[in-house]
Amino acid sequence: MGLFDTILGRGKKSAGPAKSDRLFALTTAYITLETAVGINSRGSAAIVFQPLGTGDFAMVVQDVEEVVRATGEETGTTVETTEYFFGSRWMILRDPDVEDLVVGVNAVRDALAVGGYADRVLCAVFAFSDSTRGDRPAYLIYNEKRGTWYPFIPGAGEQQRDSEAELRLRAQLGTELPLEQDIDRWLALWGIPI
């Protein structure tokens, strides 16, 4: 990476193997979620990233948002961007089809990587409702850096999680998703805007 790239805020492209197949594992796992576990998609997902204050980064984000909007005319996917705590940005996609959501999240992820900003992507969040718990929210979070999934299920109190339900979901998913084995890495995301 040269001085010009540093000034423009461009990072090195990831040299590691592509993790798309790990993200796309949700396209089959959601069938188990719906049929065997009673957890249904809420029709929304988001990709979370740390923005940079450069014109190049802003252009990449604007371009990918326009692409998702254009393809959304065929698939029914809508997109919006919102700021979140600690300066992160959420690109939120809404579509009743989980596969379309995964494809959309992957498109955003790929566009950021091609632009040299793969290191800015933090995670992807997919929203579900747990019908066994009165349609309370349940989330599956894809940790981009580790290429693993983990459940996040808010509890009844403010900023409390339902760890028992999270562990039960992990057991029910079995080998459906590449799950994060280190539970200490199951980070809570409070105030999820989807």
N, C-alpha and C. Protein backbone atom coordinates (compact mmCIF):
# COMPACT_ATOMS: atom_id res chain seq x y z
N MET A 1 0.86 -1.16 0.00
CA MET A 1 0.00 0.00 0.00
C MET A 1 0.90 1.22 0.00
N GLY A 2 0.63 2.15 -0.93
CA GLY A 2 1.46 3.33 -1.06
C GLY A 2 0.92 4.51 -0.28
N LEU A 3 1.68 5.60 -0.32
CA LEU A 3 1.31 6.81 0.38
C LEU A 3 -0.02 7.36 -0.14
N PHE A 4 -0.23 7.31 -1.47
CA PHE A 4 -1.46 7.81 -2.06
C PHE A 4 -2.67 7.05 -1.52
N ASP A 5 -2.55 5.73 -1.40
CA ASP A 5 -3.64 4.92 -0.85
C ASP A 5 -3.90 5.27 0.61
N THR A 6 -2.85 5.51 1.37
CA THR A 6 -3.00 5.88 2.77
C THR A 6 -3.73 7.20 2.90
N ILE A 7 -3.37 8.18 2.09
CA ILE A 7 -4.02 9.48 2.14
C ILE A 7 -5.50 9.37 1.80
N LEU A 8 -5.83 8.53 0.82
CA LEU A 8 -7.23 8.36 0.42
C LEU A 8 -7.99 7.42 1.34
N GLY A 9 -7.29 6.79 2.28
CA GLY A 9 -7.98 5.92 3.22
C GLY A 9 -8.24 4.53 2.69
N ARG A 10 -7.55 4.14 1.66
CA ARG A 10 -7.74 2.79 1.11
C ARG A 10 -6.91 1.80 1.90
N GLY A 11 -7.54 0.71 2.28
CA GLY A 11 -6.83 -0.35 3.00
C GLY A 11 -6.40 -1.43 2.04
N LYS A 12 -5.61 -2.36 2.55
CA LYS A 12 -5.21 -3.51 1.74
C LYS A 12 -6.39 -4.44 1.58
N LYS A 13 -6.48 -5.08 0.43
CA LYS A 13 -7.51 -6.08 0.22
C LYS A 13 -7.14 -7.32 1.02
N SER A 14 -8.17 -7.99 1.49
CA SER A 14 -7.95 -9.19 2.27
C SER A 14 -7.31 -10.27 1.42
N ALA A 15 -6.24 -10.86 1.96
CA ALA A 15 -5.55 -11.91 1.24
C ALA A 15 -6.08 -13.29 1.62
N GLY A 16 -6.95 -13.34 2.63
CA GLY A 16 -7.48 -14.62 3.10
C GLY A 16 -8.52 -15.18 2.15
N PRO A 17 -8.95 -16.41 2.42
CA PRO A 17 -9.95 -17.03 1.57
C PRO A 17 -11.30 -16.34 1.68
N ALA A 18 -12.08 -16.40 0.63
CA ALA A 18 -13.40 -15.80 0.63
C ALA A 18 -14.28 -16.52 1.64
N LYS A 19 -15.10 -15.75 2.34
CA LYS A 19 -15.98 -16.33 3.35
C LYS A 19 -17.43 -16.31 2.90
N SER A 20 -17.66 -16.11 1.59
CA SER A 20 -19.03 -16.02 1.09
C SER A 20 -19.83 -17.27 1.39
N ASP A 21 -19.18 -18.44 1.28
CA ASP A 21 -19.92 -19.67 1.53
C ASP A 21 -20.42 -19.74 2.97
N ARG A 22 -19.69 -19.15 3.90
CA ARG A 22 -20.11 -19.14 5.30
C ARG A 22 -21.31 -18.22 5.49
N LEU A 23 -21.32 -17.09 4.81
CA LEU A 23 -22.46 -16.19 4.86
C LEU A 23 -23.67 -16.86 4.21
N PHE A 24 -23.46 -17.49 3.07
CA PHE A 24 -24.56 -18.11 2.33
C PHE A 24 -25.12 -19.35 3.01
N ALA A 25 -24.46 -19.84 4.06
CA ALA A 25 -24.99 -20.99 4.80
C ALA A 25 -26.37 -20.67 5.38
N LEU A 26 -26.66 -19.39 5.59
CA LEU A 26 -27.97 -19.00 6.12
C LEU A 26 -29.09 -19.32 5.14
N THR A 27 -28.80 -19.36 3.85
CA THR A 27 -29.86 -19.61 2.86
C THR A 27 -30.47 -21.00 3.00
N THR A 28 -29.76 -21.93 3.61
CA THR A 28 -30.35 -23.25 3.89
C THR A 28 -30.71 -23.39 5.37
N ALA A 29 -29.94 -22.77 6.26
CA ALA A 29 -30.19 -22.89 7.70
C ALA A 29 -31.53 -22.26 8.08
N TYR A 30 -31.99 -21.25 7.35
CA TYR A 30 -33.24 -20.60 7.75
C TYR A 30 -34.43 -21.54 7.61
N ILE A 31 -34.32 -22.56 6.76
CA ILE A 31 -35.40 -23.55 6.63
C ILE A 31 -35.53 -24.31 7.94
N THR A 32 -34.41 -24.70 8.53
CA THR A 32 -34.42 -25.36 9.84
C THR A 32 -34.97 -24.42 10.89
N LEU A 33 -34.56 -23.15 10.83
CA LEU A 33 -35.06 -22.18 11.80
C LEU A 33 -36.58 -22.10 11.78
N GLU A 34 -37.15 -22.05 10.58
CA GLU A 34 -38.61 -21.91 10.45
C GLU A 34 -39.35 -23.20 10.80
N THR A 35 -38.90 -24.32 10.24
CA THR A 35 -39.67 -25.55 10.38
C THR A 35 -39.43 -26.29 11.69
N ALA A 36 -38.20 -26.35 12.15
CA ALA A 36 -37.89 -27.14 13.34
C ALA A 36 -37.78 -26.32 14.62
N VAL A 37 -37.47 -25.05 14.49
CA VAL A 37 -37.18 -24.25 15.68
C VAL A 37 -38.27 -23.22 15.97
N GLY A 38 -39.07 -22.84 14.99
CA GLY A 38 -40.12 -21.85 15.19
C GLY A 38 -39.64 -20.42 15.17
N ILE A 39 -38.53 -20.21 14.47
CA ILE A 39 -37.99 -18.85 14.34
C ILE A 39 -38.13 -18.42 12.89
N ASN A 40 -38.84 -17.30 12.68
CA ASN A 40 -39.17 -16.83 11.33
C ASN A 40 -38.50 -15.50 11.03
N SER A 41 -38.18 -15.33 9.76
CA SER A 41 -37.54 -14.09 9.33
C SER A 41 -38.48 -12.91 9.52
N ARG A 42 -37.91 -11.79 9.95
CA ARG A 42 -38.66 -10.54 10.04
C ARG A 42 -38.51 -9.71 8.77
N GLY A 43 -37.83 -10.29 7.76
CA GLY A 43 -37.70 -9.62 6.48
C GLY A 43 -36.73 -8.46 6.46
N SER A 44 -35.75 -8.49 7.36
CA SER A 44 -34.76 -7.41 7.35
C SER A 44 -33.40 -7.93 7.79
N ALA A 45 -32.38 -7.27 7.24
CA ALA A 45 -31.00 -7.58 7.57
C ALA A 45 -30.20 -6.30 7.39
N ALA A 46 -28.99 -6.31 7.92
CA ALA A 46 -28.13 -5.13 7.77
C ALA A 46 -26.68 -5.58 7.71
N ILE A 47 -25.91 -4.80 7.00
CA ILE A 47 -24.46 -4.97 7.04
C ILE A 47 -23.92 -3.75 7.78
N VAL A 48 -23.04 -4.01 8.73
CA VAL A 48 -22.54 -2.97 9.61
C VAL A 48 -21.07 -2.72 9.28
N PHE A 49 -20.72 -1.45 9.09
CA PHE A 49 -19.34 -1.11 8.77
C PHE A 49 -18.93 0.20 9.41
N GLN A 50 -17.63 0.39 9.51
CA GLN A 50 -17.06 1.63 10.02
C GLN A 50 -16.78 2.52 8.82
N PRO A 51 -17.47 3.63 8.68
CA PRO A 51 -17.24 4.51 7.53
C PRO A 51 -15.93 5.29 7.67
N LEU A 52 -15.44 5.72 6.55
CA LEU A 52 -14.29 6.62 6.51
C LEU A 52 -14.76 7.96 5.96
N GLY A 53 -14.13 9.01 6.35
CA GLY A 53 -14.50 10.35 5.89
C GLY A 53 -13.84 10.74 4.58
N THR A 54 -13.63 9.77 3.69
CA THR A 54 -13.00 10.08 2.40
C THR A 54 -14.05 10.09 1.30
N GLY A 55 -13.78 10.85 0.27
CA GLY A 55 -14.69 10.90 -0.87
C GLY A 55 -14.79 9.56 -1.58
N ASP A 56 -13.67 8.85 -1.66
CA ASP A 56 -13.66 7.55 -2.32
C ASP A 56 -14.57 6.56 -1.59
N PHE A 57 -14.47 6.52 -0.26
CA PHE A 57 -15.30 5.60 0.51
C PHE A 57 -16.77 5.96 0.35
N ALA A 58 -17.09 7.24 0.44
CA ALA A 58 -18.48 7.69 0.28
C ALA A 58 -19.02 7.30 -1.09
N MET A 59 -18.18 7.39 -2.13
CA MET A 59 -18.60 7.04 -3.48
C MET A 59 -18.88 5.54 -3.59
N VAL A 60 -18.03 4.72 -2.99
CA VAL A 60 -18.24 3.26 -3.01
C VAL A 60 -19.57 2.92 -2.34
N VAL A 61 -19.84 3.51 -1.19
CA VAL A 61 -21.09 3.24 -0.47
C VAL A 61 -22.29 3.72 -1.28
N GLN A 62 -22.19 4.89 -1.86
CA GLN A 62 -23.29 5.43 -2.67
C GLN A 62 -23.54 4.54 -3.88
N ASP A 63 -22.47 4.10 -4.54
CA ASP A 63 -22.62 3.25 -5.72
C ASP A 63 -23.29 1.92 -5.38
N VAL A 64 -22.87 1.29 -4.30
CA VAL A 64 -23.45 0.00 -3.95
C VAL A 64 -24.90 0.16 -3.51
N GLU A 65 -25.21 1.26 -2.85
CA GLU A 65 -26.59 1.51 -2.46
C GLU A 65 -27.48 1.65 -3.70
N GLU A 66 -26.98 2.33 -4.71
CA GLU A 66 -27.73 2.48 -5.96
C GLU A 66 -27.91 1.14 -6.67
N VAL A 67 -26.87 0.30 -6.65
CA VAL A 67 -26.97 -1.02 -7.27
C VAL A 67 -28.02 -1.87 -6.56
N VAL A 68 -28.00 -1.87 -5.23
CA VAL A 68 -28.98 -2.65 -4.47
C VAL A 68 -30.39 -2.13 -4.75
N ARG A 69 -30.54 -0.81 -4.83
CA ARG A 69 -31.87 -0.24 -5.15
C ARG A 69 -32.33 -0.69 -6.54
N ALA A 70 -31.41 -0.64 -7.52
CA ALA A 70 -31.76 -1.01 -8.89
C ALA A 70 -32.15 -2.48 -8.98
N THR A 71 -31.37 -3.36 -8.35
CA THR A 71 -31.71 -4.79 -8.39
C THR A 71 -32.93 -5.07 -7.53
N GLY A 72 -33.16 -4.23 -6.54
CA GLY A 72 -34.33 -4.39 -5.68
C GLY A 72 -35.64 -4.21 -6.41
N GLU A 73 -35.60 -3.52 -7.54
CA GLU A 73 -36.82 -3.39 -8.34
C GLU A 73 -37.29 -4.75 -8.84
N GLU A 74 -36.35 -5.67 -9.08
CA GLU A 74 -36.70 -7.02 -9.51
C GLU A 74 -37.02 -7.93 -8.32
N THR A 75 -36.24 -7.81 -7.25
CA THR A 75 -36.37 -8.74 -6.13
C THR A 75 -37.32 -8.23 -5.04
N GLY A 76 -37.58 -6.94 -5.02
CA GLY A 76 -38.41 -6.36 -3.97
C GLY A 76 -37.61 -5.90 -2.76
N THR A 77 -36.30 -5.91 -2.86
CA THR A 77 -35.44 -5.49 -1.76
C THR A 77 -35.35 -3.97 -1.71
N THR A 78 -35.54 -3.42 -0.51
CA THR A 78 -35.34 -1.98 -0.31
C THR A 78 -34.09 -1.79 0.54
N VAL A 79 -33.51 -0.60 0.45
CA VAL A 79 -32.27 -0.33 1.17
C VAL A 79 -32.31 1.08 1.76
N GLU A 80 -31.75 1.21 2.94
CA GLU A 80 -31.58 2.51 3.58
C GLU A 80 -30.31 2.44 4.43
N THR A 81 -29.74 3.58 4.71
CA THR A 81 -28.52 3.63 5.52
C THR A 81 -28.79 4.50 6.74
N THR A 82 -28.27 4.05 7.89
CA THR A 82 -28.47 4.80 9.12
C THR A 82 -27.19 4.76 9.95
N GLU A 83 -26.99 5.79 10.74
CA GLU A 83 -25.85 5.85 11.66
C GLU A 83 -26.23 5.08 12.92
N TYR A 84 -25.23 4.52 13.59
CA TYR A 84 -25.46 3.74 14.79
C TYR A 84 -24.45 4.19 15.84
N PHE A 85 -24.52 3.59 17.00
CA PHE A 85 -23.61 3.93 18.08
C PHE A 85 -22.15 3.77 17.65
N PHE A 86 -21.30 4.51 18.28
CA PHE A 86 -19.85 4.43 18.11
C PHE A 86 -19.40 4.69 16.67
N GLY A 87 -20.18 5.46 15.92
CA GLY A 87 -19.78 5.86 14.59
C GLY A 87 -19.93 4.81 13.51
N SER A 88 -20.56 3.69 13.80
CA SER A 88 -20.75 2.68 12.75
C SER A 88 -21.95 3.06 11.90
N ARG A 89 -22.00 2.52 10.73
CA ARG A 89 -23.11 2.76 9.80
C ARG A 89 -23.74 1.42 9.47
N TRP A 90 -25.07 1.43 9.38
CA TRP A 90 -25.84 0.23 9.05
C TRP A 90 -26.50 0.44 7.70
N MET A 91 -26.22 -0.44 6.76
CA MET A 91 -26.96 -0.44 5.50
C MET A 91 -28.03 -1.53 5.66
N ILE A 92 -29.27 -1.09 5.76
CA ILE A 92 -30.39 -1.97 6.09
C ILE A 92 -31.12 -2.38 4.82
N LEU A 93 -31.33 -3.67 4.68
CA LEU A 93 -32.06 -4.23 3.55
C LEU A 93 -33.35 -4.86 4.07
N ARG A 94 -34.43 -4.66 3.34
CA ARG A 94 -35.72 -5.26 3.72
C ARG A 94 -36.25 -6.04 2.52
N ASP A 95 -36.62 -7.28 2.81
CA ASP A 95 -37.14 -8.18 1.77
C ASP A 95 -37.70 -9.40 2.50
N PRO A 96 -38.87 -9.88 2.12
CA PRO A 96 -39.41 -11.06 2.81
C PRO A 96 -38.63 -12.34 2.52
N ASP A 97 -37.81 -12.35 1.48
CA ASP A 97 -37.06 -13.53 1.08
C ASP A 97 -35.66 -13.50 1.70
N VAL A 98 -35.35 -14.47 2.57
CA VAL A 98 -34.05 -14.52 3.24
C VAL A 98 -32.92 -14.62 2.23
N GLU A 99 -33.11 -15.39 1.17
CA GLU A 99 -32.06 -15.53 0.16
C GLU A 99 -31.73 -14.19 -0.49
N ASP A 100 -32.74 -13.38 -0.77
CA ASP A 100 -32.49 -12.05 -1.34
C ASP A 100 -31.72 -11.17 -0.35
N LEU A 101 -32.03 -11.31 0.93
CA LEU A 101 -31.30 -10.53 1.95
C LEU A 101 -29.83 -10.93 1.99
N VAL A 102 -29.56 -12.24 1.93
CA VAL A 102 -28.18 -12.72 1.96
C VAL A 102 -27.43 -12.24 0.73
N VAL A 103 -28.07 -12.33 -0.43
CA VAL A 103 -27.44 -11.87 -1.67
C VAL A 103 -27.15 -10.37 -1.60
N GLY A 104 -28.09 -9.60 -1.08
CA GLY A 104 -27.90 -8.15 -0.96
C GLY A 104 -26.77 -7.80 -0.01
N VAL A 105 -26.74 -8.45 1.16
CA VAL A 105 -25.66 -8.20 2.12
C VAL A 105 -24.32 -8.57 1.49
N ASN A 106 -24.28 -9.69 0.79
CA ASN A 106 -23.03 -10.11 0.15
C ASN A 106 -22.59 -9.12 -0.93
N ALA A 107 -23.54 -8.55 -1.66
CA ALA A 107 -23.21 -7.57 -2.70
C ALA A 107 -22.56 -6.33 -2.08
N VAL A 108 -23.09 -5.87 -0.97
CA VAL A 108 -22.52 -4.71 -0.28
C VAL A 108 -21.11 -5.06 0.21
N ARG A 109 -20.99 -6.19 0.82
CA ARG A 109 -19.70 -6.67 1.34
C ARG A 109 -18.65 -6.76 0.23
N ASP A 110 -19.05 -7.35 -0.90
CA ASP A 110 -18.13 -7.48 -2.03
C ASP A 110 -17.72 -6.12 -2.59
N ALA A 111 -18.68 -5.20 -2.70
CA ALA A 111 -18.37 -3.87 -3.24
C ALA A 111 -17.38 -3.14 -2.34
N LEU A 112 -17.55 -3.26 -1.03
CA LEU A 112 -16.59 -2.62 -0.12
C LEU A 112 -15.21 -3.28 -0.25
N ALA A 113 -15.19 -4.59 -0.42
CA ALA A 113 -13.90 -5.29 -0.58
C ALA A 113 -13.21 -4.89 -1.87
N VAL A 114 -13.95 -4.83 -2.97
CA VAL A 114 -13.37 -4.44 -4.26
C VAL A 114 -12.83 -3.01 -4.20
N GLY A 115 -13.53 -2.15 -3.45
CA GLY A 115 -13.07 -0.77 -3.27
C GLY A 115 -11.86 -0.65 -2.35
N GLY A 116 -11.44 -1.78 -1.77
CA GLY A 116 -10.29 -1.75 -0.86
C GLY A 116 -10.66 -1.54 0.59
N TYR A 117 -11.94 -1.74 0.92
CA TYR A 117 -12.41 -1.45 2.27
C TYR A 117 -12.96 -2.68 2.99
N ALA A 118 -12.48 -3.85 2.67
CA ALA A 118 -12.95 -5.08 3.33
C ALA A 118 -12.75 -5.01 4.83
N ASP A 119 -11.68 -4.36 5.26
CA ASP A 119 -11.38 -4.28 6.68
C ASP A 119 -12.36 -3.38 7.44
N ARG A 120 -13.20 -2.62 6.74
CA ARG A 120 -14.17 -1.73 7.39
C ARG A 120 -15.46 -2.44 7.75
N VAL A 121 -15.69 -3.64 7.17
CA VAL A 121 -16.92 -4.39 7.43
C VAL A 121 -16.80 -5.08 8.79
N LEU A 122 -17.81 -4.88 9.65
CA LEU A 122 -17.79 -5.46 10.99
C LEU A 122 -18.60 -6.75 11.07
N CYS A 123 -19.85 -6.68 10.65
CA CYS A 123 -20.73 -7.83 10.76
C CYS A 123 -21.97 -7.65 9.90
N ALA A 124 -22.73 -8.72 9.81
CA ALA A 124 -24.06 -8.67 9.19
C ALA A 124 -25.04 -9.17 10.24
N VAL A 125 -26.22 -8.57 10.27
CA VAL A 125 -27.23 -8.92 11.27
C VAL A 125 -28.52 -9.26 10.53
N PHE A 126 -29.11 -10.41 10.87
CA PHE A 126 -30.37 -10.85 10.28
C PHE A 126 -31.41 -10.96 11.39
N ALA A 127 -32.56 -10.33 11.18
CA ALA A 127 -33.60 -10.26 12.21
C ALA A 127 -34.62 -11.37 12.04
N PHE A 128 -34.97 -12.00 13.17
CA PHE A 128 -35.97 -13.06 13.21
C PHE A 128 -36.92 -12.82 14.37
N SER A 129 -38.05 -13.53 14.36
CA SER A 129 -38.99 -13.54 15.47
C SER A 129 -39.11 -14.97 15.97
N ASP A 130 -39.08 -15.12 17.28
CA ASP A 130 -39.18 -16.43 17.90
C ASP A 130 -40.62 -16.69 18.29
N SER A 131 -41.31 -17.52 17.50
CA SER A 131 -42.72 -17.79 17.77
C SER A 131 -42.91 -18.60 19.05
N THR A 132 -41.89 -19.29 19.52
CA THR A 132 -42.01 -20.04 20.77
C THR A 132 -41.91 -19.13 21.99
N ARG A 133 -41.52 -17.88 21.77
CA ARG A 133 -41.37 -16.91 22.86
C ARG A 133 -42.22 -15.67 22.58
N GLY A 134 -43.40 -15.85 22.02
CA GLY A 134 -44.30 -14.72 21.78
C GLY A 134 -43.82 -13.75 20.73
N ASP A 135 -43.15 -14.26 19.70
CA ASP A 135 -42.61 -13.45 18.60
C ASP A 135 -41.61 -12.40 19.06
N ARG A 136 -40.89 -12.69 20.11
CA ARG A 136 -39.83 -11.78 20.55
C ARG A 136 -38.69 -11.83 19.54
N PRO A 137 -37.93 -10.74 19.44
CA PRO A 137 -36.84 -10.70 18.45
C PRO A 137 -35.71 -11.66 18.78
N ALA A 138 -35.14 -12.20 17.72
CA ALA A 138 -33.94 -13.03 17.80
C ALA A 138 -33.09 -12.64 16.60
N TYR A 139 -31.80 -12.58 16.78
CA TYR A 139 -30.91 -12.15 15.70
C TYR A 139 -29.82 -13.19 15.48
N LEU A 140 -29.46 -13.34 14.23
CA LEU A 140 -28.27 -14.10 13.89
C LEU A 140 -27.26 -13.10 13.37
N ILE A 141 -26.08 -13.12 13.97
CA ILE A 141 -25.04 -12.15 13.64
C ILE A 141 -23.87 -12.90 13.00
N TYR A 142 -23.45 -12.37 11.85
CA TYR A 142 -22.30 -12.95 11.15
C TYR A 142 -21.10 -12.06 11.41
N ASN A 143 -20.11 -12.58 12.12
CA ASN A 143 -18.89 -11.84 12.42
C ASN A 143 -17.98 -11.92 11.20
N GLU A 144 -17.85 -10.83 10.51
CA GLU A 144 -17.09 -10.79 9.26
C GLU A 144 -15.63 -11.17 9.45
N LYS A 145 -15.02 -10.70 10.51
CA LYS A 145 -13.59 -10.96 10.71
C LYS A 145 -13.29 -12.43 10.96
N ARG A 146 -14.21 -13.12 11.62
CA ARG A 146 -13.98 -14.52 11.97
C ARG A 146 -14.69 -15.49 11.04
N GLY A 147 -15.65 -15.00 10.25
CA GLY A 147 -16.38 -15.88 9.34
C GLY A 147 -17.27 -16.86 10.08
N THR A 148 -17.81 -16.41 11.23
CA THR A 148 -18.66 -17.27 12.03
C THR A 148 -19.96 -16.56 12.42
N TRP A 149 -20.95 -17.36 12.75
CA TRP A 149 -22.27 -16.88 13.16
C TRP A 149 -22.43 -17.06 14.67
N TYR A 150 -23.31 -16.25 15.25
CA TYR A 150 -23.74 -16.50 16.62
C TYR A 150 -25.12 -15.87 16.82
N PRO A 151 -25.91 -16.44 17.74
CA PRO A 151 -27.22 -15.88 18.02
C PRO A 151 -27.12 -14.76 19.06
N PHE A 152 -27.99 -13.78 18.92
CA PHE A 152 -28.15 -12.75 19.94
C PHE A 152 -29.65 -12.62 20.19
N ILE A 153 -30.07 -12.96 21.41
CA ILE A 153 -31.49 -12.92 21.74
C ILE A 153 -31.66 -12.03 22.97
N PRO A 154 -32.24 -10.83 22.78
CA PRO A 154 -32.47 -9.95 23.92
C PRO A 154 -33.43 -10.60 24.92
N GLY A 155 -33.18 -10.34 26.20
CA GLY A 155 -34.05 -10.84 27.26
C GLY A 155 -35.19 -9.89 27.53
N ALA A 156 -35.93 -10.16 28.60
CA ALA A 156 -37.11 -9.37 28.93
C ALA A 156 -36.75 -8.00 29.49
N GLY A 157 -35.64 -7.89 30.22
CA GLY A 157 -35.25 -6.62 30.81
C GLY A 157 -34.43 -5.77 29.86
N GLU A 158 -34.19 -4.53 30.28
CA GLU A 158 -33.40 -3.62 29.46
C GLU A 158 -31.94 -4.06 29.45
N GLN A 159 -31.39 -4.21 28.27
CA GLN A 159 -30.02 -4.65 28.04
C GLN A 159 -29.69 -5.95 28.80
N GLN A 160 -30.65 -6.87 28.74
CA GLN A 160 -30.43 -8.23 29.24
C GLN A 160 -30.57 -9.18 28.07
N ARG A 161 -29.73 -10.19 28.05
CA ARG A 161 -29.86 -11.17 26.99
C ARG A 161 -30.40 -12.47 27.57
N ASP A 162 -31.01 -13.22 26.69
CA ASP A 162 -31.55 -14.52 27.06
C ASP A 162 -30.51 -15.57 26.67
N SER A 163 -29.52 -15.74 27.52
CA SER A 163 -28.42 -16.66 27.23
C SER A 163 -28.89 -18.09 27.05
N GLU A 164 -29.89 -18.48 27.83
CA GLU A 164 -30.42 -19.84 27.71
C GLU A 164 -31.01 -20.08 26.32
N ALA A 165 -31.77 -19.11 25.82
CA ALA A 165 -32.35 -19.24 24.47
C ALA A 165 -31.25 -19.24 23.41
N GLU A 166 -30.20 -18.44 23.62
CA GLU A 166 -29.09 -18.42 22.66
C GLU A 166 -28.40 -19.78 22.60
N LEU A 167 -28.14 -20.37 23.76
CA LEU A 167 -27.48 -21.69 23.79
C LEU A 167 -28.38 -22.77 23.20
N ARG A 168 -29.67 -22.67 23.46
CA ARG A 168 -30.62 -23.63 22.89
C ARG A 168 -30.63 -23.52 21.37
N LEU A 169 -30.61 -22.28 20.86
CA LEU A 169 -30.59 -22.09 19.41
C LEU A 169 -29.30 -22.64 18.81
N ARG A 170 -28.19 -22.43 19.49
CA ARG A 170 -26.93 -22.98 19.01
C ARG A 170 -27.03 -24.50 18.88
N ALA A 171 -27.60 -25.14 19.88
CA ALA A 171 -27.74 -26.61 19.85
C ALA A 171 -28.70 -27.05 18.75
N GLN A 172 -29.77 -26.29 18.54
CA GLN A 172 -30.76 -26.66 17.52
C GLN A 172 -30.21 -26.48 16.10
N LEU A 173 -29.34 -25.51 15.92
CA LEU A 173 -28.78 -25.29 14.59
C LEU A 173 -27.72 -26.34 14.24
N GLY A 174 -27.10 -26.91 15.28
CA GLY A 174 -26.13 -27.97 15.04
C GLY A 174 -25.07 -27.57 14.04
N THR A 175 -25.03 -28.26 12.92
CA THR A 175 -24.01 -27.99 11.90
C THR A 175 -24.56 -27.16 10.73
N GLU A 176 -25.76 -26.60 10.90
CA GLU A 176 -26.38 -25.81 9.82
C GLU A 176 -25.57 -24.56 9.46
N LEU A 177 -24.97 -23.94 10.48
CA LEU A 177 -24.19 -22.72 10.29
C LEU A 177 -22.82 -22.91 10.92
N PRO A 178 -21.79 -22.25 10.37
CA PRO A 178 -20.48 -22.27 11.04
C PRO A 178 -20.54 -21.33 12.25
N LEU A 179 -20.89 -21.89 13.41
CA LEU A 179 -21.11 -21.10 14.60
C LEU A 179 -19.80 -20.79 15.34
N GLU A 180 -19.77 -19.62 15.94
CA GLU A 180 -18.63 -19.22 16.77
C GLU A 180 -18.62 -20.10 18.02
N GLN A 181 -17.53 -20.80 18.24
CA GLN A 181 -17.44 -21.72 19.38
C GLN A 181 -17.11 -20.99 20.68
N ASP A 182 -16.42 -19.87 20.59
CA ASP A 182 -16.03 -19.10 21.78
C ASP A 182 -17.19 -18.17 22.16
N ILE A 183 -17.95 -18.55 23.16
CA ILE A 183 -19.14 -17.79 23.56
C ILE A 183 -18.78 -16.38 24.01
N ASP A 184 -17.56 -16.17 24.47
CA ASP A 184 -17.14 -14.82 24.86
C ASP A 184 -17.13 -13.87 23.67
N ARG A 185 -17.13 -14.39 22.47
CA ARG A 185 -17.15 -13.55 21.26
C ARG A 185 -18.57 -13.28 20.77
N TRP A 186 -19.57 -13.75 21.47
CA TRP A 186 -20.96 -13.49 21.13
C TRP A 186 -21.33 -12.11 21.69
N LEU A 187 -21.00 -11.09 20.96
CA LEU A 187 -21.19 -9.72 21.44
C LEU A 187 -22.65 -9.28 21.29
N ALA A 188 -23.12 -8.58 22.30
CA ALA A 188 -24.48 -8.04 22.27
C ALA A 188 -24.49 -6.76 21.44
N LEU A 189 -25.52 -6.59 20.65
CA LEU A 189 -25.74 -5.34 19.91
C LEU A 189 -27.09 -4.79 20.37
N TRP A 190 -27.04 -3.80 21.24
CA TRP A 190 -28.28 -3.23 21.77
C TRP A 190 -28.82 -2.16 20.84
N GLY A 191 -30.13 -2.06 20.78
CA GLY A 191 -30.78 -1.04 19.96
C GLY A 191 -30.68 -1.30 18.47
N ILE A 192 -30.71 -2.57 18.08
CA ILE A 192 -30.59 -2.93 16.65
C ILE A 192 -31.73 -2.27 15.88
N PRO A 193 -31.42 -1.53 14.82
CA PRO A 193 -32.45 -0.77 14.10
C PRO A 193 -33.22 -1.57 13.04
N ILE A 194 -33.20 -2.89 13.13
CA ILE A 194 -33.97 -3.70 12.15
C ILE A 194 -34.93 -4.62 12.88
